[in-house]
PDB file of N, CA and C in Angstrom:
ATOM      1  N   UNK A   1      95.550  86.503 120.799  1.00  0.00           N
ATOM      2  CA  UNK A   1      95.904  87.458 119.749  1.00  0.00           C
ATOM      3  C   UNK A   1      96.686  86.764 118.622  1.00  0.00           C
ATOM      4  N   UNK A   2      97.540  85.797 118.986  1.00  0.00           N
ATOM      5  CA  UNK A   2      98.301  85.086 117.953  1.00  0.00           C
ATOM      6  C   UNK A   2      97.393  84.334 117.002  1.00  0.00           C
ATOM      7  N   UNK A   3      96.301  83.779 117.543  1.00  0.00           N
ATOM      8  CA  UNK A   3      95.334  83.071 116.708  1.00  0.00           C
ATOM      9  C   UNK A   3      94.706  84.033 115.698  1.00  0.00           C
ATOM     10  N   UNK A   4      94.379  85.217 116.153  1.00  0.00           N
ATOM     11  CA  UNK A   4      93.789  86.231 115.271  1.00  0.00           C
ATOM     12  C   UNK A   4      94.778  86.635 114.178  1.00  0.00           C
ATOM     13  N   UNK A   5      96.021  86.832 114.551  1.00  0.00           N
ATOM     14  CA  UNK A   5      97.038  87.191 113.558  1.00  0.00           C
ATOM     15  C   UNK A   5      97.231  86.082 112.529  1.00  0.00           C
ATOM     16  N   UNK A   6      97.162  84.851 112.981  1.00  0.00           N
ATOM     17  CA  UNK A   6      97.291  83.721 112.064  1.00  0.00           C
ATOM     18  C   UNK A   6      96.111  83.681 111.096  1.00  0.00           C
ATOM     19  N   UNK A   7      94.903  83.918 111.618  1.00  0.00           N
ATOM     20  CA  UNK A   7      93.715  83.938 110.765  1.00  0.00           C
ATOM     21  C   UNK A   7      93.788  85.076 109.752  1.00  0.00           C
ATOM     22  N   UNK A   8      94.321  86.221 110.154  1.00  0.00           N
ATOM     23  CA  UNK A   8      94.494  87.348 109.235  1.00  0.00           C
ATOM     24  C   UNK A   8      95.456  86.970 108.117  1.00  0.00           C
ATOM     25  N   UNK A   9      96.577  86.375 108.475  1.00  0.00           N
ATOM     26  CA  UNK A   9      97.570  85.999 107.472  1.00  0.00           C
ATOM     27  C   UNK A   9      97.022  84.939 106.521  1.00  0.00           C
ATOM     28  N   UNK A  10      96.286  83.976 107.044  1.00  0.00           N
ATOM     29  CA  UNK A  10      95.694  82.946 106.184  1.00  0.00           C
ATOM     30  C   UNK A  10      94.681  83.547 105.221  1.00  0.00           C
ATOM     31  N   UNK A  11      93.850  84.457 105.708  1.00  0.00           N
ATOM     32  CA  UNK A  11      92.864  85.108 104.846  1.00  0.00           C
ATOM     33  C   UNK A  11      93.549  85.958 103.784  1.00  0.00           C
ATOM     34  N   UNK A  12      94.581  86.681 104.183  1.00  0.00           N
ATOM     35  CA  UNK A  12      95.316  87.517 103.233  1.00  0.00           C
ATOM     36  C   UNK A  12      95.965  86.674 102.140  1.00  0.00           C
ATOM     37  N   UNK A  13      96.602  85.590 102.550  1.00  0.00           N
ATOM     38  CA  UNK A  13      97.263  84.712 101.590  1.00  0.00           C
ATOM     39  C   UNK A  13      96.257  84.064 100.644  1.00  0.00           C
ATOM     40  N   UNK A  14      95.153  83.583 101.194  1.00  0.00           N
ATOM     41  CA  UNK A  14      94.114  82.970 100.360  1.00  0.00           C
ATOM     42  C   UNK A  14      93.534  83.973  99.375  1.00  0.00           C
ATOM     43  N   UNK A  15      93.270  85.177  99.857  1.00  0.00           N
ATOM     44  CA  UNK A  15      92.709  86.204  98.993  1.00  0.00           C
ATOM     45  C   UNK A  15      93.672  86.523  97.847  1.00  0.00           C
ATOM     46  N   UNK A  16      94.927  86.622  98.161  1.00  0.00           N
ATOM     47  CA  UNK A  16      95.934  86.922  97.137  1.00  0.00           C
ATOM     48  C   UNK A  16      95.978  85.821  96.078  1.00  0.00           C
ATOM     49  N   UNK A  17      96.009  84.572  96.522  1.00  0.00           N
ATOM     50  CA  UNK A  17      96.045  83.455  95.574  1.00  0.00           C
ATOM     51  C   UNK A  17      94.795  83.415  94.700  1.00  0.00           C
ATOM     52  N   UNK A  18      93.635  83.603  95.316  1.00  0.00           N
ATOM     53  CA  UNK A  18      92.390  83.586  94.552  1.00  0.00           C
ATOM     54  C   UNK A  18      92.302  84.763  93.596  1.00  0.00           C
ATOM     55  N   UNK A  19      92.813  85.912  94.001  1.00  0.00           N
ATOM     56  CA  UNK A  19      92.798  87.085  93.121  1.00  0.00           C
ATOM     57  C   UNK A  19      93.668  86.847  91.896  1.00  0.00           C
ATOM     58  N   UNK A  20      94.798  86.199  92.091  1.00  0.00           N
ATOM     59  CA  UNK A  20      95.655  85.887  90.947  1.00  0.00           C
ATOM     60  C   UNK A  20      94.991  84.880  90.011  1.00  0.00           C
ATOM     61  N   UNK A  21      94.244  83.968  90.587  1.00  0.00           N
ATOM     62  CA  UNK A  21      93.606  82.919  89.801  1.00  0.00           C
ATOM     63  C   UNK A  21      92.332  83.403  89.108  1.00  0.00           C
ATOM     64  N   UNK A  22      91.493  84.156  89.825  1.00  0.00           N
ATOM     65  CA  UNK A  22      90.171  84.521  89.304  1.00  0.00           C
ATOM     66  C   UNK A  22      89.999  86.003  88.989  1.00  0.00           C
ATOM     67  N   UNK A  23      90.934  86.827  89.427  1.00  0.00           N
ATOM     68  CA  UNK A  23      90.825  88.269  89.229  1.00  0.00           C
ATOM     69  C   UNK A  23      90.328  88.938  90.502  1.00  0.00           C
ATOM     70  N   UNK A  24      90.688  90.181  90.646  1.00  0.00           N
ATOM     71  CA  UNK A  24      90.386  90.916  91.873  1.00  0.00           C
ATOM     72  C   UNK A  24      88.903  91.222  92.060  1.00  0.00           C
ATOM     73  N   UNK A  25      88.129  91.177  90.994  1.00  0.00           N
ATOM     74  CA  UNK A  25      86.700  91.490  91.098  1.00  0.00           C
ATOM     75  C   UNK A  25      85.815  90.255  91.195  1.00  0.00           C
ATOM     76  N   UNK A  26      86.409  89.083  91.305  1.00  0.00           N
ATOM     77  CA  UNK A  26      85.626  87.853  91.430  1.00  0.00           C
ATOM     78  C   UNK A  26      84.860  87.870  92.759  1.00  0.00           C
ATOM     79  N   UNK A  27      83.606  87.444  92.748  1.00  0.00           N
ATOM     80  CA  UNK A  27      82.805  87.460  93.976  1.00  0.00           C
ATOM     81  C   UNK A  27      83.480  86.743  95.152  1.00  0.00           C
ATOM     82  N   UNK A  28      84.132  85.636  94.900  1.00  0.00           N
ATOM     83  CA  UNK A  28      84.813  84.897  95.962  1.00  0.00           C
ATOM     84  C   UNK A  28      85.924  85.736  96.590  1.00  0.00           C
ATOM     85  N   UNK A  29      86.650  86.450  95.758  1.00  0.00           N
ATOM     86  CA  UNK A  29      87.737  87.310  96.240  1.00  0.00           C
ATOM     87  C   UNK A  29      87.170  88.486  97.037  1.00  0.00           C
ATOM     88  N   UNK A  30      86.100  89.063  96.551  1.00  0.00           N
ATOM     89  CA  UNK A  30      85.482  90.188  97.259  1.00  0.00           C
ATOM     90  C   UNK A  30      84.918  89.754  98.608  1.00  0.00           C
ATOM     91  N   UNK A  31      84.328  88.568  98.665  1.00  0.00           N
ATOM     92  CA  UNK A  31      83.826  88.047  99.938  1.00  0.00           C
ATOM     93  C   UNK A  31      84.965  87.844 100.933  1.00  0.00           C
ATOM     94  N   UNK A  32      86.059  87.288 100.447  1.00  0.00           N
ATOM     95  CA  UNK A  32      87.205  87.068 101.324  1.00  0.00           C
ATOM     96  C   UNK A  32      87.827  88.391 101.758  1.00  0.00           C
ATOM     97  N   UNK A  33      87.805  89.371 100.880  1.00  0.00           N
ATOM     98  CA  UNK A  33      88.298  90.693 101.227  1.00  0.00           C
ATOM     99  C   UNK A  33      87.482  91.299 102.368  1.00  0.00           C
ATOM    100  N   UNK A  34      86.178  91.125 102.315  1.00  0.00           N
ATOM    101  CA  UNK A  34      85.325  91.630 103.395  1.00  0.00           C
ATOM    102  C   UNK A  34      85.605  90.897 104.699  1.00  0.00           C
ATOM    103  N   UNK A  35      85.836  89.605 104.619  1.00  0.00           N
ATOM    104  CA  UNK A  35      86.163  88.821 105.818  1.00  0.00           C
ATOM    105  C   UNK A  35      87.498  89.289 106.394  1.00  0.00           C
ATOM    106  N   UNK A  36      88.452  89.552 105.528  1.00  0.00           N
ATOM    107  CA  UNK A  36      89.745  90.054 105.977  1.00  0.00           C
ATOM    108  C   UNK A  36      89.579  91.416 106.653  1.00  0.00           C
ATOM    109  N   UNK A  37      88.746  92.265 106.085  1.00  0.00           N
ATOM    110  CA  UNK A  37      88.463  93.570 106.709  1.00  0.00           C
ATOM    111  C   UNK A  37      87.905  93.388 108.120  1.00  0.00           C
ATOM    112  N   UNK A  38      86.990  92.440 108.272  1.00  0.00           N
ATOM    113  CA  UNK A  38      86.411  92.176 109.594  1.00  0.00           C
ATOM    114  C   UNK A  38      87.487  91.717 110.577  1.00  0.00           C
ATOM    115  N   UNK A  39      88.354  90.831 110.133  1.00  0.00           N
ATOM    116  CA  UNK A  39      89.442  90.348 110.992  1.00  0.00           C
ATOM    117  C   UNK A  39      90.382  91.486 111.379  1.00  0.00           C
ATOM    118  N   UNK A  40      90.704  92.337 110.417  1.00  0.00           N
ATOM    119  CA  UNK A  40      91.590  93.470 110.702  1.00  0.00           C
ATOM    120  C   UNK A  40      90.940  94.461 111.658  1.00  0.00           C
ATOM    121  N   UNK A  41      89.646  94.695 111.491  1.00  0.00           N
ATOM    122  CA  UNK A  41      88.938  95.579 112.427  1.00  0.00           C
ATOM    123  C   UNK A  41      88.949  95.004 113.832  1.00  0.00           C
ATOM    124  N   UNK A  42      88.748  93.706 113.943  1.00  0.00           N
ATOM    125  CA  UNK A  42      88.797  93.040 115.248  1.00  0.00           C
ATOM    126  C   UNK A  42      90.184  93.188 115.865  1.00  0.00           C
ATOM    127  N   UNK A  43      91.200  93.011 115.056  1.00  0.00           N
ATOM    128  CA  UNK A  43      92.579  93.159 115.543  1.00  0.00           C
ATOM    129  C   UNK A  43      92.829  94.578 116.046  1.00  0.00           C
ATOM    130  N   UNK A  44      92.430  95.567 115.265  1.00  0.00           N
ATOM    131  CA  UNK A  44      92.657  96.961 115.656  1.00  0.00           C
ATOM    132  C   UNK A  44      91.906  97.317 116.934  1.00  0.00           C
ATOM    133  N   UNK A  45      90.704  96.810 117.082  1.00  0.00           N
ATOM    134  CA  UNK A  45      89.946  97.050 118.315  1.00  0.00           C
ATOM    135  C   UNK A  45      90.645  96.402 119.513  1.00  0.00           C
ATOM    136  N   UNK A  46      91.179  95.213 119.318  1.00  0.00           N
ATOM    137  CA  UNK A  46      91.906  94.522 120.402  1.00  0.00           C
ATOM    138  C   UNK A  46      93.141  95.296 120.820  1.00  0.00           C
ATOM    139  N   UNK A  47      93.877  95.795 119.842  1.00  0.00           N
ATOM    140  CA  UNK A  47      95.082  96.572 120.134  1.00  0.00           C
ATOM    141  C   UNK A  47      94.711  97.860 120.863  1.00  0.00           C
ATOM    142  N   UNK A  48      93.655  98.493 120.412  1.00  0.00           N
ATOM    143  CA  UNK A  48      93.212  99.739 121.039  1.00  0.00           C
ATOM    144  C   UNK A  48      92.834  99.497 122.498  1.00  0.00           C
ATOM    145  N   UNK A  49      92.144  98.412 122.773  1.00  0.00           N
ATOM    146  CA  UNK A  49      91.767  98.086 124.148  1.00  0.00           C
ATOM    147  C   UNK A  49      92.986  97.816 125.013  1.00  0.00           C
ATOM    148  N   UNK A  50      93.984  97.128 124.466  1.00  0.00           N
ATOM    149  CA  UNK A  50      95.196  96.824 125.230  1.00  0.00           C
ATOM    150  C   UNK A  50      95.969  98.094 125.580  1.00  0.00           C
ATOM    151  N   UNK A  51      95.946  99.053 124.706  1.00  0.00           N
ATOM    152  CA  UNK A  51      96.672 100.311 124.965  1.00  0.00           C
ATOM    153  C   UNK A  51      96.013 101.147 126.049  1.00  0.00           C
ATOM    154  N   UNK A  52      94.716 100.954 126.244  1.00  0.00           N
ATOM    155  CA  UNK A  52      93.985 101.743 127.235  1.00  0.00           C
ATOM    156  C   UNK A  52      93.905 101.055 128.591  1.00  0.00           C
ATOM    157  N   UNK A  53      94.510  99.897 128.704  1.00  0.00           N
ATOM    158  CA  UNK A  53      94.471  99.168 129.978  1.00  0.00           C
ATOM    159  C   UNK A  53      95.607  99.611 130.870  1.00  0.00           C
TER     160      UNK A  53
END
């Protein structure tokens, strides 16, 4: 789980830096945003599974 949290933070930080540099609507930023969404969904599913164990 710590690895996943680290990947989420890295994606978030990268997305923020790229958004400041290229703008929030830049294709690269939007792609990274989608990747971050996937990571967050994975995290939420993991947490949900742990609560039901």
